[in-house]
Amino acid sequence: MARTLSRIAHEILERHPDTARLALVGIRSRGVPLARRLGRLIAEAAGAEPAVGALDISLYRDDFTTLAPQPITKGTDILFSIDGRTVVLVDDVLFTGRTVRAALDQLIDFGRPARIELAVLVDRGHRELPIRADYVGRALSTSRDEAVQVRVREEDGTDEVVLIPKAPAPAAAGSLPKARKARAKPRGSPPPAKRRKR
């Protein structure tokens, strides 16, 4: 992970050598420590650290109403003007693109940046929106039946990327899946005879 973040930091710096006009904004939760690390790496190479902030997109998600009755928000921390800057959104995993769409909506509420770019540690595909990352650490081939978890030492005590099979949803007790019930009836069986009323 250290080598991957170092490469992304140098790619960002190559495109944007003026760190005074650059800002890194991490999407909570694991995008935030990644953004801070990228900021330190850019500072080591350029001698000046770009502005670094944090974005909590909970209230901007399109599935907000399906979350917990009272979702826990950690707050947005952008203590600088983004007007006229290049803002690089930083996230751990790029999947459907819906998280990034919510982040764009919220970020534009803070001002009018000159440009918005996206840096992700892992791109796992399966996009549902036309969103593409400008900086990608690793592209992974995954199925929708798998989950990608990024763990960082600031929050999890270790740095690693884990691919986990999703557990199948448990079936209700005493019930068969609909498809199985449909197959349980033989094809071509005659309809039940109707009883005559006496």
Protein backbone atom coordinates (compact mmCIF):
# COMPACT_ATOMS: atom_id res chain seq x y z
CA MET A 1 0.00 0.00 0.00
CA ALA A 2 2.87 2.38 0.78
CA ARG A 3 4.34 1.98 -2.70
CA THR A 4 0.94 2.40 -4.32
CA LEU A 5 0.18 5.61 -2.42
CA SER A 6 3.66 6.95 -3.21
CA ARG A 7 3.02 6.39 -6.93
CA ILE A 8 -0.37 8.12 -6.77
CA ALA A 9 1.16 11.08 -4.90
CA HIS A 10 3.83 11.52 -7.57
CA GLU A 11 1.25 11.26 -10.35
CA ILE A 12 -0.82 14.00 -8.70
CA LEU A 13 2.26 16.18 -8.24
CA GLU A 14 3.30 15.72 -11.86
CA ARG A 15 -0.05 17.09 -13.03
CA HIS A 16 -0.31 19.78 -10.34
CA PRO A 17 3.12 21.04 -9.24
CA ASP A 18 1.64 24.15 -7.57
CA THR A 19 0.52 22.69 -4.25
CA ALA A 20 -0.96 26.04 -3.18
CA ARG A 21 -3.71 25.52 -5.76
CA LEU A 22 -4.24 21.86 -4.82
CA ALA A 23 -6.52 20.30 -2.22
CA LEU A 24 -7.07 16.68 -1.23
CA VAL A 25 -10.47 15.78 0.22
CA GLY A 26 -10.96 12.30 1.65
CA ILE A 27 -14.38 10.63 1.64
CA ARG A 28 -15.15 9.20 5.06
CA SER A 29 -14.24 6.97 6.43
CA ARG A 30 -11.08 5.37 4.99
CA GLY A 31 -10.62 7.93 2.27
CA VAL A 32 -9.63 10.45 4.97
CA PRO A 33 -6.45 8.72 6.26
CA LEU A 34 -5.51 7.94 2.66
CA ALA A 35 -5.86 11.64 1.74
CA ARG A 36 -3.71 12.63 4.72
CA ARG A 37 -1.00 10.17 3.73
CA LEU A 38 -1.05 11.45 0.15
CA GLY A 39 -0.74 15.00 1.48
CA ARG A 40 2.35 14.08 3.51
CA LEU A 41 3.92 12.26 0.54
CA ILE A 42 3.33 15.26 -1.72
CA ALA A 43 4.85 17.53 0.95
CA GLU A 44 7.96 15.33 1.14
CA ALA A 45 8.43 15.56 -2.64
CA ALA A 46 7.42 19.20 -3.19
CA GLY A 47 8.39 20.82 0.09
CA ALA A 48 4.84 22.12 0.70
CA GLU A 49 1.75 20.21 1.77
CA PRO A 50 -1.55 20.76 -0.03
CA ALA A 51 -4.71 21.52 1.91
CA VAL A 52 -6.37 18.33 3.18
CA GLY A 53 -10.01 17.97 4.20
CA ALA A 54 -12.66 15.37 4.98
CA LEU A 55 -16.11 14.85 3.50
CA ASP A 56 -18.99 12.98 5.15
CA ILE A 57 -21.48 12.17 2.39
CA SER A 58 -24.07 10.38 4.57
CA LEU A 59 -26.80 12.98 4.03
CA TYR A 60 -26.15 13.12 0.28
CA ARG A 61 -26.46 9.40 -0.45
CA ASP A 62 -29.28 8.32 -2.75
CA ASP A 63 -30.00 5.41 -0.38
CA PHE A 64 -30.11 7.62 2.72
CA THR A 65 -33.69 6.62 3.54
CA THR A 66 -32.72 2.93 3.61
CA LEU A 67 -29.93 3.41 6.15
CA ALA A 68 -30.38 3.16 9.90
CA PRO A 69 -33.20 5.28 11.41
CA GLN A 70 -30.56 7.67 12.79
CA PRO A 71 -27.36 7.27 10.72
CA ILE A 72 -24.15 8.21 12.53
CA THR A 73 -22.36 11.07 10.78
CA LYS A 74 -18.76 12.00 11.49
CA GLY A 75 -18.94 15.46 9.97
CA THR A 76 -17.32 17.29 7.09
CA ASP A 77 -14.04 19.07 7.74
CA ILE A 78 -13.11 21.52 4.96
CA LEU A 79 -11.54 24.57 6.62
CA PHE A 80 -10.30 26.21 3.41
CA SER A 81 -11.80 27.70 0.27
CA ILE A 82 -12.02 25.34 -2.68
CA ASP A 83 -12.77 28.16 -5.14
CA GLY A 84 -10.34 28.06 -8.05
CA ARG A 85 -8.43 25.05 -6.71
CA THR A 86 -7.95 21.60 -8.14
CA VAL A 87 -9.68 19.30 -5.67
CA VAL A 88 -8.73 15.62 -5.67
CA LEU A 89 -11.38 13.45 -4.03
CA VAL A 90 -9.79 10.44 -2.33
CA ASP A 91 -11.62 7.19 -1.60
CA ASP A 92 -10.60 3.64 -0.76
CA VAL A 93 -12.77 1.65 -3.23
CA LEU A 94 -14.51 2.72 -6.44
CA PHE A 95 -17.49 0.46 -7.10
CA THR A 96 -20.82 1.62 -8.55
CA GLY A 97 -19.86 5.31 -8.54
CA ARG A 98 -22.77 6.35 -6.32
CA THR A 99 -20.52 7.35 -3.41
CA VAL A 100 -18.50 9.62 -5.69
CA ARG A 101 -21.68 11.16 -7.13
CA ALA A 102 -22.82 12.04 -3.60
CA ALA A 103 -19.37 13.48 -2.83
CA LEU A 104 -19.50 15.67 -5.95
CA ASP A 105 -22.92 17.00 -4.95
CA GLN A 106 -21.71 17.93 -1.49
CA LEU A 107 -18.37 19.33 -2.61
CA ILE A 108 -20.01 21.74 -5.07
CA ASP A 109 -22.09 23.10 -2.18
CA PHE A 110 -18.79 24.36 -0.69
CA GLY A 111 -17.73 26.42 -3.69
CA ARG A 112 -16.59 26.38 -7.29
CA PRO A 113 -13.32 24.49 -7.77
CA ALA A 114 -11.36 24.90 -10.98
CA ARG A 115 -11.29 21.13 -11.41
CA ILE A 116 -12.31 18.00 -9.53
CA GLU A 117 -10.35 14.77 -9.90
CA LEU A 118 -10.69 11.35 -8.28
CA ALA A 119 -8.04 9.15 -6.69
CA VAL A 120 -8.89 5.65 -5.45
CA LEU A 121 -6.80 2.91 -3.92
CA VAL A 122 -8.88 0.11 -5.53
CA ASP A 123 -11.11 0.16 -8.63
CA ARG A 124 -13.25 -2.99 -8.57
CA GLY A 125 -15.47 -2.21 -11.58
CA HIS A 126 -19.25 -2.74 -11.83
CA ARG A 127 -19.99 0.95 -12.43
CA GLU A 128 -23.63 2.09 -12.43
CA LEU A 129 -22.83 5.73 -13.19
CA PRO A 130 -20.45 7.25 -15.78
CA ILE A 131 -17.64 7.94 -13.29
CA ARG A 132 -13.95 7.21 -13.84
CA ALA A 133 -10.97 7.65 -11.54
CA ASP A 134 -8.03 9.84 -12.60
CA TYR A 135 -5.60 8.02 -10.29
CA VAL A 136 -5.96 4.30 -9.53
CA GLY A 137 -3.80 2.31 -7.17
CA ARG A 138 -4.94 -1.15 -8.23
CA ALA A 139 -7.70 -2.41 -10.52
CA LEU A 140 -9.26 -5.64 -9.25
CA SER A 141 -11.45 -8.04 -11.18
CA THR A 142 -14.34 -8.90 -8.87
CA SER A 143 -17.85 -10.27 -8.98
CA ARG A 144 -20.87 -8.68 -7.33
CA ASP A 145 -20.91 -11.63 -4.93
CA GLU A 146 -17.65 -10.40 -3.41
CA ALA A 147 -16.90 -7.49 -1.08
CA VAL A 148 -13.65 -5.50 -1.09
CA GLN A 149 -12.49 -4.22 2.29
CA VAL A 150 -9.64 -1.76 2.64
CA ARG A 151 -8.10 -1.66 6.11
CA VAL A 152 -5.78 1.14 7.17
CA ARG A 153 -3.62 1.28 10.26
CA GLU A 154 -5.14 4.58 11.43
CA GLU A 155 -8.54 2.93 11.90
CA ASP A 156 -7.94 -0.83 11.75
CA GLY A 157 -4.40 -1.25 13.02
CA THR A 158 -3.13 -2.71 9.73
CA ASP A 159 -2.79 -1.90 6.03
CA GLU A 160 -4.37 -4.46 3.73
CA VAL A 161 -6.93 -5.05 1.00
CA VAL A 162 -9.17 -8.08 1.53
CA LEU A 163 -11.55 -9.75 -0.93
CA ILE A 164 -14.43 -11.41 0.94
CA PRO A 165 -17.25 -13.58 -0.50
CA LYS A 166 -20.64 -12.20 0.49
CA ALA A 167 -22.71 -14.57 2.63
CA PRO A 168 -26.00 -15.63 1.01
CA ALA A 169 -29.13 -14.16 2.54
CA PRO A 170 -30.70 -16.68 4.95
CA ALA A 171 -34.02 -18.17 3.81
CA ALA A 172 -37.05 -17.88 6.08
CA ALA A 173 -37.60 -20.97 8.23
CA GLY A 174 -40.06 -23.46 6.78
CA SER A 175 -40.24 -21.78 3.38
CA LEU A 176 -38.83 -22.73 0.03
CA PRO A 177 -37.48 -20.20 -2.48
CA LYS A 178 -40.05 -19.18 -5.08
CA ALA A 179 -38.09 -20.77 -7.92
CA ARG A 180 -37.97 -24.07 -6.04
CA LYS A 181 -41.69 -23.97 -5.29
CA ALA A 182 -42.43 -23.37 -8.95
CA ARG A 183 -40.34 -26.39 -9.97
CA ALA A 184 -41.97 -28.59 -7.34
CA LYS A 185 -45.13 -28.71 -9.44
CA PRO A 186 -44.73 -31.14 -12.39
CA ARG A 187 -45.09 -29.64 -15.83
CA GLY A 188 -48.28 -30.49 -17.70
CA SER A 189 -50.17 -31.56 -14.58
CA PRO A 190 -53.95 -31.14 -14.99
CA PRO A 191 -55.70 -28.40 -12.99
CA PRO A 192 -57.61 -29.62 -9.91
CA ALA A 193 -61.23 -30.67 -10.60
CA LYS A 194 -63.85 -28.17 -9.59
CA ARG A 195 -66.42 -29.29 -7.08
CA ARG A 196 -70.05 -28.85 -7.99
CA LYS A 197 -72.26 -27.02 -5.55
CA ARG A 198 -75.13 -29.12 -4.24
